[in-house]
Amino acid sequence: SSLLLLLLLLLLFLFLLLLLLLLLLLVLLMALLVLVLLLVSLPSPSPSPSPYSSQRQPAAPAPPTGTQAKASEGSIVDERGPMPQCFSASSPSSSSSASSSSSSSCTGGGSKRRRILAYGDSLTAGFYNEGDNFAPYGQYLAQRLAQDHGLDVDVVVCGLSGLTAQHMAKGLPAKRMRDGCRRTGKGLQKILMEEDNFDLALIMAGTNDLSDRKVGPVAIAVSVQSLHTACHEFKVPTAILSIPLNDLMPGESAAEQEKSEISEKILKYRERWITTNALLKQWSQGAGKVDGVAFFVDTADLLPYSDPSPLWEEDGLHLSPKGSETLGSSLAPLIAKFFSNRPRSVEASVSKPLLRADSPMPETISPPEPLVSLSSAPRRLKILAYGDSLTAGYNCWGHLFTPYAEGMVSALLPTVEAEVCLCGLSGVRAEEMAEDLDAAKVSDCLHRTGKGLRHMLKDDGPFDVAVIMAGTNDLADDPEPGDLYQ
């Protein structure tokens, strides 16, 4: 009987222990639920592109000015509204009065109106007051072009706060992009496709990319160049706005740099900032100029940094409304000069080009017309360029294609005038190309269509020479031991 009693007591103890564990588990689940609810209810943090922003101790923000701001006389723009937003202004001599609108389509069109696209990150959006307000430089640019230079203009602004140039490049065709301030915009290609054609695009991006020390200057410059290439595909000339200064750029004493860990990071940040801007400037004066870059703007000359400064927010990174106004006003004479040498074409606002990513192959690539006049060649050669994605010029995750053939036809001039018939089948192996030699239609991994090589020789020839580059995709397959010697 004593053994039975001991057994019952043991069972009771185990039951109470199990009950206690269940209660403890219930308490933990309830605590986890409360924590999740608190996290969901927290607002999104303001974008902080600099990796060292946590080292700063920002002062209290300026008093709020409301959720709306005047963009020009007699009009109100919803600062936190969806993008792109359009700021329209007319010269004093124009029959239409100056106006602004937050819609994606400006009112009061016409063949004499100039259309400008301003695309970028929070510095383009005009982020200030910790993201509670926005004062884009585009609105001041429109005012100054109208009032000081007598131009009727529409400035379309899309500034995606917190997004890197790489994010923008990946999202080129996006119908909707959400930024760090919970505002929505669109991919650059999508805007170019949906809007009336632009006379100029202003691209200012790369500040947020610099926050990631793993991303080098070359990668940042390539992402920014992709945004320009997207515009050039629509025959829209572009202006490169360099990555602006911030509070990490002013120098420190050599002793402080040696002693402080943050100073070493700042030095590396400055090196990447300088190198990235140098690469963009170099590109704008070389290959970029040929492709469609109109001019390069060193924003450091327009917006010198000092602390304190009325041009900058207290976070040392974003422009104040005065800074955005200064940038827009400083850009106005540069853009007016560009427009004075470039008459607006009425036809330019009518048709849209078919994107390479949506175009069937083969594609014919001819020398740029301005260079053809310099040619001393007795006749035009016809070249066949055939291969995979490297021939197609695949880049920017398949949103853009910049084939080497474009550079080749330009480089051959003036001694050789050539025309290239191009077919680059992305993701297709040389083995598959050999199997489809006579195919009238071949689809690649991006759903672009081309032709078999022998079919092209019959349909599109004769050719003076064929340039074939293939085999990269075959190397991606794991070879069988015997295949290495076949």
Protein backbone atom coordinates (compact mmCIF):
# COMPACT_ATOMS: atom_id res chain seq x y z
CA SER A 1 0.00 0.00 0.00
CA SER A 2 2.87 2.38 0.75
CA LEU A 3 4.30 1.65 -2.69
CA LEU A 4 0.96 2.42 -4.31
CA LEU A 5 0.70 5.69 -2.39
CA LEU A 6 4.20 6.67 -3.49
CA LEU A 7 3.29 5.93 -7.08
CA LEU A 8 0.17 8.10 -6.84
CA LEU A 9 2.19 10.97 -5.38
CA LEU A 10 4.70 10.65 -8.21
CA LEU A 11 1.95 10.75 -10.81
CA LEU A 12 0.43 13.81 -9.13
CA PHE A 13 3.80 15.54 -9.14
CA LEU A 14 4.28 14.80 -12.85
CA PHE A 15 0.78 16.11 -13.62
CA LEU A 16 1.43 19.36 -11.75
CA LEU A 17 4.79 19.74 -13.52
CA LEU A 18 3.16 19.23 -16.91
CA LEU A 19 0.48 21.76 -16.03
CA LEU A 20 3.14 24.27 -15.02
CA LEU A 21 4.98 23.77 -18.30
CA LEU A 22 1.78 24.30 -20.27
CA LEU A 23 1.08 27.54 -18.39
CA LEU A 24 4.62 28.72 -19.04
CA LEU A 25 4.27 27.93 -22.75
CA LEU A 26 0.98 29.85 -22.87
CA VAL A 27 2.62 32.90 -21.28
CA LEU A 28 5.46 32.78 -23.80
CA LEU A 29 3.02 32.56 -26.72
CA MET A 30 1.07 35.54 -25.41
CA ALA A 31 4.27 37.56 -25.01
CA LEU A 32 5.32 36.69 -28.56
CA LEU A 33 1.91 37.73 -29.88
CA VAL A 34 2.15 41.10 -28.11
CA LEU A 35 5.64 41.63 -29.52
CA VAL A 36 4.48 40.90 -33.07
CA LEU A 37 1.54 43.30 -32.69
CA LEU A 38 3.91 46.03 -31.48
CA LEU A 39 6.29 45.51 -34.40
CA VAL A 40 3.45 45.64 -36.93
CA SER A 41 2.12 48.86 -35.44
CA LEU A 42 5.50 50.64 -35.59
CA PRO A 43 5.91 53.13 -38.49
CA SER A 44 8.49 52.48 -41.19
CA PRO A 45 11.82 54.12 -40.40
CA SER A 46 12.97 57.03 -42.49
CA PRO A 47 15.55 56.00 -45.08
CA SER A 48 19.11 56.46 -43.89
CA PRO A 49 21.35 55.88 -46.90
CA SER A 50 24.67 56.51 -45.15
CA PRO A 51 26.14 53.55 -43.28
CA TYR A 52 27.40 55.90 -40.62
CA SER A 53 24.19 57.78 -39.93
CA SER A 54 23.94 55.93 -36.61
CA GLN A 55 27.11 57.72 -35.55
CA ARG A 56 25.43 61.09 -35.92
CA GLN A 57 23.34 62.73 -33.25
CA PRO A 58 20.73 64.63 -35.26
CA ALA A 59 19.17 67.67 -33.71
CA ALA A 60 15.45 68.13 -33.35
CA PRO A 61 13.71 68.44 -36.75
CA ALA A 62 12.37 71.71 -38.01
CA PRO A 63 8.73 72.46 -37.21
CA PRO A 64 6.36 70.66 -39.60
CA THR A 65 5.02 72.72 -42.44
CA GLY A 66 2.03 70.54 -43.15
CA THR A 67 1.45 67.69 -45.56
CA GLN A 68 1.08 69.96 -48.55
CA ALA A 69 3.27 72.65 -50.02
CA LYS A 70 2.94 75.24 -52.75
CA ALA A 71 4.80 74.17 -55.86
CA SER A 72 4.07 77.40 -57.70
CA GLU A 73 1.75 80.32 -57.43
CA GLY A 74 -1.87 79.30 -57.14
CA SER A 75 -1.34 75.55 -56.88
CA ILE A 76 -0.91 72.91 -54.19
CA VAL A 77 0.84 69.58 -54.60
CA ASP A 78 0.33 66.59 -52.32
CA GLU A 79 3.85 66.01 -51.07
CA ARG A 80 3.30 62.39 -50.15
CA GLY A 81 1.21 61.53 -53.19
CA PRO A 82 2.04 58.79 -55.70
CA MET A 83 4.79 59.41 -58.22
CA PRO A 84 5.63 60.50 -60.80
CA GLN A 85 4.43 64.01 -60.00
CA CYS A 86 4.38 66.73 -62.63
CA PHE A 87 5.35 70.36 -62.10
CA SER A 88 4.20 72.48 -65.00
CA ALA A 89 5.24 76.11 -65.49
CA SER A 90 4.73 78.62 -68.28
CA SER A 91 6.72 81.70 -69.19
CA PRO A 92 5.25 85.16 -68.36
CA SER A 93 4.73 85.80 -72.06
CA SER A 94 2.81 82.57 -72.55
CA SER A 95 -0.96 82.62 -72.86
CA SER A 96 -1.23 79.96 -70.15
CA SER A 97 -0.43 80.80 -66.55
CA ALA A 98 2.11 78.97 -64.44
CA SER A 99 0.70 75.90 -62.81
CA SER A 100 1.64 72.71 -60.99
CA SER A 101 0.01 69.36 -60.68
CA SER A 102 0.61 66.21 -58.67
CA SER A 103 -0.77 63.96 -61.39
CA SER A 104 1.43 61.92 -63.69
CA SER A 105 0.25 63.88 -66.72
CA CYS A 106 0.84 67.60 -67.03
CA THR A 107 -1.92 69.82 -68.32
CA GLY A 108 -1.52 72.35 -71.07
CA GLY A 109 0.61 70.40 -73.55
CA GLY A 110 1.74 71.54 -76.96
CA SER A 111 4.64 71.20 -79.34
CA LYS A 112 6.44 74.19 -77.76
CA ARG A 113 6.50 72.79 -74.24
CA ARG A 114 9.69 71.18 -73.04
CA ARG A 115 9.36 67.99 -71.01
CA ILE A 116 11.97 67.00 -68.43
CA LEU A 117 12.12 63.84 -66.32
CA ALA A 118 13.88 63.98 -62.93
CA TYR A 119 14.54 60.46 -61.61
CA GLY A 120 16.47 59.30 -58.57
CA ASP A 121 16.31 58.72 -54.82
CA SER A 122 15.36 60.85 -51.80
CA LEU A 123 17.55 63.73 -53.01
CA THR A 124 15.39 63.90 -56.13
CA ALA A 125 12.21 63.48 -54.07
CA GLY A 126 13.20 66.46 -51.91
CA PHE A 127 13.10 64.48 -48.65
CA TYR A 128 13.30 66.78 -45.61
CA ASN A 129 11.95 67.09 -42.07
CA GLU A 130 12.78 63.39 -41.54
CA GLY A 131 10.58 62.41 -44.46
CA ASP A 132 7.42 64.14 -43.27
CA ASN A 133 7.77 66.65 -46.11
CA PHE A 134 9.11 66.77 -49.65
CA ALA A 135 10.37 69.68 -51.72
CA PRO A 136 11.79 68.29 -55.00
CA TYR A 137 14.28 70.36 -56.92
CA GLY A 138 12.14 69.73 -60.00
CA GLN A 139 9.47 72.19 -58.89
CA TYR A 140 12.03 74.99 -58.54
CA LEU A 141 13.64 74.02 -61.84
CA ALA A 142 10.29 74.43 -63.61
CA GLN A 143 9.76 77.86 -62.07
CA ARG A 144 13.21 79.15 -62.98
CA LEU A 145 13.08 77.85 -66.56
CA ALA A 146 9.75 79.60 -67.04
CA GLN A 147 10.49 82.88 -65.26
CA ASP A 148 14.18 83.37 -66.10
CA HIS A 149 14.48 81.69 -69.49
CA GLY A 150 11.00 82.06 -70.99
CA LEU A 151 10.38 78.35 -71.43
CA ASP A 152 7.09 76.49 -71.08
CA VAL A 153 8.08 73.31 -69.24
CA ASP A 154 6.74 70.17 -67.62
CA VAL A 155 9.08 68.62 -65.04
CA VAL A 156 8.05 65.09 -64.11
CA VAL A 157 9.58 63.95 -60.80
CA CYS A 158 9.99 60.44 -59.42
CA GLY A 159 12.27 60.20 -56.37
CA LEU A 160 12.30 56.84 -54.62
CA SER A 161 13.61 57.45 -51.11
CA GLY A 162 15.98 54.83 -49.76
CA LEU A 163 16.36 52.94 -53.05
CA THR A 164 19.77 52.22 -54.54
CA ALA A 165 20.67 52.67 -58.18
CA GLN A 166 20.82 48.88 -58.35
CA HIS A 167 17.23 48.64 -57.08
CA MET A 168 16.17 51.16 -59.72
CA ALA A 169 17.98 49.21 -62.44
CA LYS A 170 16.33 45.95 -61.36
CA GLY A 171 12.95 47.68 -61.31
CA LEU A 172 13.19 49.36 -64.71
CA PRO A 173 9.92 47.87 -66.06
CA ALA A 174 8.08 47.91 -62.69
CA LYS A 175 4.51 49.20 -62.72
CA ARG A 176 4.74 50.06 -59.03
CA MET A 177 7.70 50.58 -56.71
CA ARG A 178 7.41 51.31 -52.99
CA ASP A 179 10.15 53.34 -51.33
CA GLY A 180 11.40 53.72 -47.76
CA CYS A 181 8.84 56.42 -46.99
CA ARG A 182 5.91 54.25 -48.12
CA ARG A 183 5.45 56.35 -51.22
CA THR A 184 4.89 54.67 -54.55
CA GLY A 185 6.53 55.32 -57.89
CA LYS A 186 7.29 53.50 -61.10
CA GLY A 187 10.24 51.96 -62.88
CA LEU A 188 12.08 54.23 -65.27
CA GLN A 189 11.22 52.19 -68.36
CA LYS A 190 7.56 52.19 -67.35
CA ILE A 191 7.50 55.99 -67.05
CA LEU A 192 9.22 56.41 -70.40
CA MET A 193 6.73 54.05 -72.01
CA GLU A 194 3.58 55.60 -70.51
CA GLU A 195 4.43 59.31 -70.58
CA ASP A 196 4.70 61.62 -73.55
CA ASN A 197 8.27 61.68 -74.80
CA PHE A 198 10.82 63.72 -72.87
CA ASP A 199 13.33 66.23 -74.17
CA LEU A 200 15.76 65.49 -71.34
CA ALA A 201 16.12 63.15 -68.35
CA LEU A 202 18.03 64.13 -65.21
CA ILE A 203 19.38 61.13 -63.30
CA MET A 204 20.78 61.51 -59.77
CA ALA A 205 21.36 58.19 -57.99
CA GLY A 206 24.03 56.25 -56.12
CA THR A 207 23.98 57.81 -52.65
CA ASN A 208 22.22 54.80 -51.14
CA ASP A 209 24.55 52.34 -52.90
CA LEU A 210 27.51 53.89 -51.10
CA SER A 211 26.00 52.79 -47.78
CA ASP A 212 26.93 49.19 -48.63
CA ARG A 213 30.69 48.84 -48.39
CA LYS A 214 30.52 45.57 -50.32
CA VAL A 215 29.33 47.42 -53.45
CA GLY A 216 32.28 48.91 -55.31
CA PRO A 217 32.41 52.09 -57.39
CA VAL A 218 32.36 50.19 -60.68
CA ALA A 219 29.16 48.34 -59.73
CA ILE A 220 27.50 51.60 -58.67
CA ALA A 221 28.55 53.37 -61.86
CA VAL A 222 27.24 50.49 -63.99
CA SER A 223 23.85 50.63 -62.24
CA VAL A 224 23.61 54.38 -62.85
CA GLN A 225 24.67 53.91 -66.46
CA SER A 226 21.86 51.37 -66.90
CA LEU A 227 19.34 54.06 -65.99
CA HIS A 228 20.79 56.33 -68.66
CA THR A 229 20.82 53.52 -71.22
CA ALA A 230 17.12 52.92 -70.55
CA CYS A 231 16.47 56.56 -71.51
CA HIS A 232 18.71 56.39 -74.57
CA GLU A 233 16.71 53.42 -75.82
CA PHE A 234 13.77 55.83 -76.04
CA LYS A 235 15.98 58.42 -77.79
CA VAL A 236 15.84 60.63 -74.67
CA PRO A 237 19.09 62.49 -73.95
CA THR A 238 20.24 62.45 -70.36
CA ALA A 239 22.23 64.53 -67.90
CA ILE A 240 24.29 62.86 -65.17
CA LEU A 241 23.98 64.56 -61.80
CA SER A 242 26.90 63.40 -59.70
CA ILE A 243 26.37 61.90 -56.24
CA PRO A 244 26.08 64.96 -53.98
CA LEU A 245 28.27 65.73 -51.00
CA ASN A 246 27.26 64.88 -47.43
CA ASP A 247 28.67 65.23 -43.94
CA LEU A 248 31.07 62.33 -44.48
CA MET A 249 33.02 64.25 -47.09
CA PRO A 250 34.64 67.18 -45.18
CA GLY A 251 38.18 66.30 -44.05
CA GLU A 252 39.43 65.66 -40.53
CA SER A 253 42.90 66.10 -39.02
CA ALA A 254 45.43 63.35 -39.70
CA ALA A 255 45.71 62.57 -35.98
CA GLU A 256 41.98 62.03 -35.67
CA GLN A 257 41.97 59.78 -38.75
CA GLU A 258 44.64 57.55 -37.23
CA LYS A 259 42.97 57.27 -33.83
CA SER A 260 39.32 56.97 -34.80
CA GLU A 261 37.82 53.78 -36.20
CA ILE A 262 34.96 55.72 -37.81
CA SER A 263 37.48 57.97 -39.57
CA GLU A 264 38.95 54.96 -41.36
CA LYS A 265 35.48 54.05 -42.59
CA ILE A 266 34.89 57.64 -43.64
CA LEU A 267 38.12 57.68 -45.64
CA LYS A 268 37.05 54.55 -47.52
CA TYR A 269 33.61 56.06 -48.08
CA ARG A 270 35.21 59.18 -49.55
CA GLU A 271 37.41 57.12 -51.85
CA ARG A 272 34.37 55.26 -53.19
CA TRP A 273 32.42 58.53 -53.57
CA ILE A 274 35.25 60.15 -55.51
CA THR A 275 35.90 57.08 -57.70
CA THR A 276 32.22 56.54 -58.54
CA ASN A 277 31.72 60.15 -59.61
CA ALA A 278 34.97 60.06 -61.59
CA LEU A 279 33.79 56.94 -63.46
CA LEU A 280 30.45 58.57 -64.28
CA LYS A 281 32.17 61.72 -65.53
CA GLN A 282 34.59 59.69 -67.64
CA TRP A 283 31.73 57.72 -69.18
CA SER A 284 29.76 60.90 -69.90
CA GLN A 285 32.68 62.25 -71.92
CA GLY A 286 33.34 59.03 -73.83
CA ALA A 287 31.00 56.17 -74.69
CA GLY A 288 28.12 57.77 -72.79
CA LYS A 289 28.34 60.91 -74.90
CA VAL A 290 28.01 58.83 -78.06
CA ASP A 291 25.04 56.96 -76.59
CA GLY A 292 23.11 60.07 -75.56
CA VAL A 293 24.54 61.71 -72.42
CA ALA A 294 24.11 65.44 -72.99
CA PHE A 295 26.24 66.72 -70.13
CA PHE A 296 27.64 65.94 -66.68
CA VAL A 297 26.81 68.10 -63.65
CA ASP A 298 29.16 68.15 -60.68
CA THR A 299 26.65 68.77 -57.91
CA ALA A 300 29.49 69.54 -55.49
CA ASP A 301 30.00 72.81 -57.38
CA LEU A 302 26.32 73.68 -57.09
CA LEU A 303 25.81 72.46 -53.52
CA PRO A 304 28.98 72.92 -51.43
CA TYR A 305 28.70 71.26 -48.04
CA SER A 306 29.33 72.99 -44.73
CA ASP A 307 28.11 72.45 -41.19
CA PRO A 308 25.88 74.18 -40.41
CA SER A 309 24.42 75.16 -43.78
CA PRO A 310 21.00 76.40 -44.90
CA LEU A 311 21.28 74.04 -47.89
CA TRP A 312 21.32 70.83 -45.85
CA GLU A 313 19.13 69.09 -43.32
CA GLU A 314 20.56 68.44 -39.88
CA ASP A 315 21.11 64.78 -40.76
CA GLY A 316 23.95 65.97 -43.01
CA LEU A 317 22.66 63.88 -45.89
CA HIS A 318 19.45 65.36 -47.30
CA LEU A 319 18.87 68.73 -48.90
CA SER A 320 16.76 71.31 -47.13
CA PRO A 321 14.03 73.06 -49.16
CA LYS A 322 16.58 75.84 -49.68
CA GLY A 323 19.08 73.27 -50.95
CA SER A 324 16.55 71.80 -53.40
CA GLU A 325 15.72 75.32 -54.57
CA THR A 326 19.41 76.06 -55.07
CA LEU A 327 19.90 72.87 -57.07
CA GLY A 328 16.87 73.52 -59.30
CA SER A 329 17.84 77.15 -59.85
CA SER A 330 21.46 76.23 -60.65
CA LEU A 331 20.42 73.59 -63.17
CA ALA A 332 18.06 75.94 -65.02
CA PRO A 333 20.69 77.87 -67.06
CA LEU A 334 22.50 74.64 -67.99
CA ILE A 335 19.30 73.08 -69.27
CA ALA A 336 18.19 76.28 -71.03
CA LYS A 337 21.52 76.35 -72.88
CA PHE A 338 21.07 72.72 -73.89
CA PHE A 339 17.57 73.42 -75.19
CA SER A 340 18.73 76.49 -77.13
CA ASN A 341 20.95 74.26 -79.24
CA ARG A 342 18.33 71.55 -79.61
CA PRO A 343 15.05 72.56 -81.29
CA ARG A 344 12.05 70.57 -80.14
CA SER A 345 10.75 68.12 -82.70
CA VAL A 346 6.99 67.77 -82.96
CA GLU A 347 7.41 64.21 -84.18
CA ALA A 348 9.36 63.33 -81.04
CA SER A 349 6.19 63.31 -78.95
CA VAL A 350 4.26 60.95 -81.22
CA SER A 351 5.85 57.51 -81.56
CA LYS A 352 7.46 55.15 -79.06
CA PRO A 353 10.31 52.83 -80.01
CA LEU A 354 9.99 49.10 -79.58
CA LEU A 355 12.27 47.98 -76.76
CA ARG A 356 15.07 45.62 -77.69
CA ALA A 357 13.86 43.21 -75.01
CA ASP A 358 10.55 42.97 -76.92
CA SER A 359 11.99 43.00 -80.44
CA PRO A 360 12.48 39.88 -82.60
CA MET A 361 15.89 39.11 -84.05
CA PRO A 362 17.87 39.45 -86.21
CA GLU A 363 18.39 43.16 -85.62
CA THR A 364 20.18 45.41 -88.07
CA ILE A 365 22.73 47.77 -86.54
CA SER A 366 24.00 50.60 -88.73
CA PRO A 367 26.57 53.32 -88.00
CA PRO A 368 25.28 56.54 -86.39
CA GLU A 369 24.26 58.99 -89.08
CA PRO A 370 26.66 61.78 -87.96
CA LEU A 371 29.57 59.36 -88.40
CA VAL A 372 28.48 57.98 -91.76
CA SER A 373 29.30 61.30 -93.43
CA LEU A 374 32.92 60.86 -92.31
CA SER A 375 33.22 57.48 -94.01
CA SER A 376 35.76 57.10 -96.81
CA ALA A 377 34.90 53.45 -97.44
CA PRO A 378 34.04 52.55 -101.07
CA ARG A 379 31.10 50.40 -100.00
CA ARG A 380 29.24 49.20 -96.90
CA LEU A 381 30.20 45.77 -95.60
CA LYS A 382 27.58 43.42 -94.21
CA ILE A 383 28.54 41.49 -91.07
CA LEU A 384 26.69 38.66 -89.33
CA ALA A 385 27.02 38.58 -85.53
CA TYR A 386 25.66 35.36 -84.02
CA GLY A 387 25.84 33.89 -80.52
CA ASP A 388 24.32 33.88 -77.06
CA SER A 389 23.60 36.58 -74.45
CA LEU A 390 27.12 38.00 -74.82
CA THR A 391 26.34 38.76 -78.46
CA ALA A 392 22.90 40.07 -77.53
CA GLY A 393 24.46 42.50 -75.04
CA TYR A 394 22.42 41.19 -72.12
CA ASN A 395 22.64 43.38 -69.02
CA CYS A 396 20.55 44.79 -66.20
CA TRP A 397 18.83 41.44 -65.52
CA GLY A 398 17.60 41.23 -69.10
CA HIS A 399 15.82 44.60 -69.07
CA LEU A 400 18.42 46.15 -71.37
CA PHE A 401 20.55 44.98 -74.27
CA THR A 402 23.70 46.80 -75.41
CA PRO A 403 25.32 44.59 -78.09
CA TYR A 404 29.03 44.90 -78.83
CA ALA A 405 28.10 45.37 -82.49
CA GLU A 406 27.12 48.98 -81.77
CA GLY A 407 30.64 49.83 -80.72
CA MET A 408 32.11 47.80 -83.55
CA VAL A 409 30.36 49.66 -86.37
CA SER A 410 31.42 53.00 -84.86
CA ALA A 411 35.02 51.88 -84.29
CA LEU A 412 35.38 50.66 -87.89
CA LEU A 413 34.67 54.14 -89.24
CA PRO A 414 35.90 56.02 -91.17
CA THR A 415 37.98 53.40 -93.01
CA VAL A 416 35.29 50.70 -93.00
CA GLU A 417 31.56 51.35 -93.17
CA ALA A 418 29.73 48.28 -91.90
CA GLU A 419 26.22 47.09 -91.16
CA VAL A 420 25.70 44.28 -88.64
CA CYS A 421 22.89 41.74 -88.72
CA LEU A 422 22.69 40.59 -85.10
CA CYS A 423 21.15 37.54 -83.44
CA GLY A 424 22.03 36.85 -79.81
CA LEU A 425 20.07 34.03 -78.17
CA SER A 426 20.36 34.41 -74.40
CA GLY A 427 20.79 31.16 -72.47
CA VAL A 428 21.08 29.01 -75.61
CA ARG A 429 24.00 26.56 -75.81
CA ALA A 430 26.22 26.16 -78.87
CA GLU A 431 25.01 22.55 -79.05
CA GLU A 432 21.41 23.77 -79.34
CA MET A 433 22.39 26.35 -81.97
CA ALA A 434 23.96 23.57 -84.03
CA GLU A 435 20.76 21.51 -83.76
CA ASP A 436 18.61 24.47 -84.87
CA LEU A 437 20.69 25.63 -87.83
CA ASP A 438 17.71 25.54 -90.22
CA ALA A 439 15.05 26.72 -87.74
CA ALA A 440 12.91 29.64 -88.92
CA LYS A 441 12.27 30.60 -85.30
CA VAL A 442 14.35 29.99 -82.17
CA SER A 443 13.27 31.19 -78.70
CA ASP A 444 15.76 31.99 -75.97
CA CYS A 445 15.43 31.96 -72.18
CA LEU A 446 14.04 35.53 -72.18
CA HIS A 447 11.35 34.64 -74.73
CA ARG A 448 13.09 36.66 -77.42
CA THR A 449 12.99 35.06 -80.84
CA GLY A 450 15.66 34.69 -83.49
CA LYS A 451 16.58 32.37 -86.34
CA GLY A 452 18.84 29.42 -86.93
CA LEU A 453 22.23 30.34 -88.32
CA ARG A 454 21.81 28.67 -91.71
CA HIS A 455 18.33 30.14 -92.04
CA MET A 456 19.79 33.63 -91.44
CA LEU A 457 22.47 33.04 -94.07
CA LYS A 458 19.76 32.26 -96.61
CA ASP A 459 17.22 34.92 -95.60
CA ASP A 460 19.40 37.87 -94.63
CA GLY A 461 22.63 37.29 -96.57
CA PRO A 462 24.91 37.48 -98.34
CA PHE A 463 27.44 38.51 -95.69
CA ASP A 464 31.04 39.59 -96.04
CA VAL A 465 32.03 38.03 -92.72
CA ALA A 466 30.41 36.21 -89.79
CA VAL A 467 31.42 36.78 -86.16
CA ILE A 468 30.34 33.86 -83.94
CA MET A 469 30.72 33.81 -80.15
CA ALA A 470 29.15 30.83 -78.37
CA GLY A 471 29.89 28.12 -75.83
CA THR A 472 29.60 29.95 -72.53
CA ASN A 473 26.29 28.29 -71.68
CA ASP A 474 27.65 24.84 -72.59
CA LEU A 475 30.36 25.27 -69.95
CA ALA A 476 27.68 25.68 -67.29
CA ASP A 477 26.72 22.02 -67.62
CA ASP A 478 28.65 19.44 -65.57
CA PRO A 479 30.61 17.41 -68.15
CA GLU A 480 30.70 13.66 -68.24
CA PRO A 481 34.27 12.25 -67.99
CA GLY A 482 34.24 11.05 -71.59
CA ASP A 483 32.87 14.33 -72.94
CA LEU A 484 36.03 16.22 -71.99
CA TYR A 485 37.92 14.61 -74.86
CA GLN A 486 35.21 14.68 -77.53
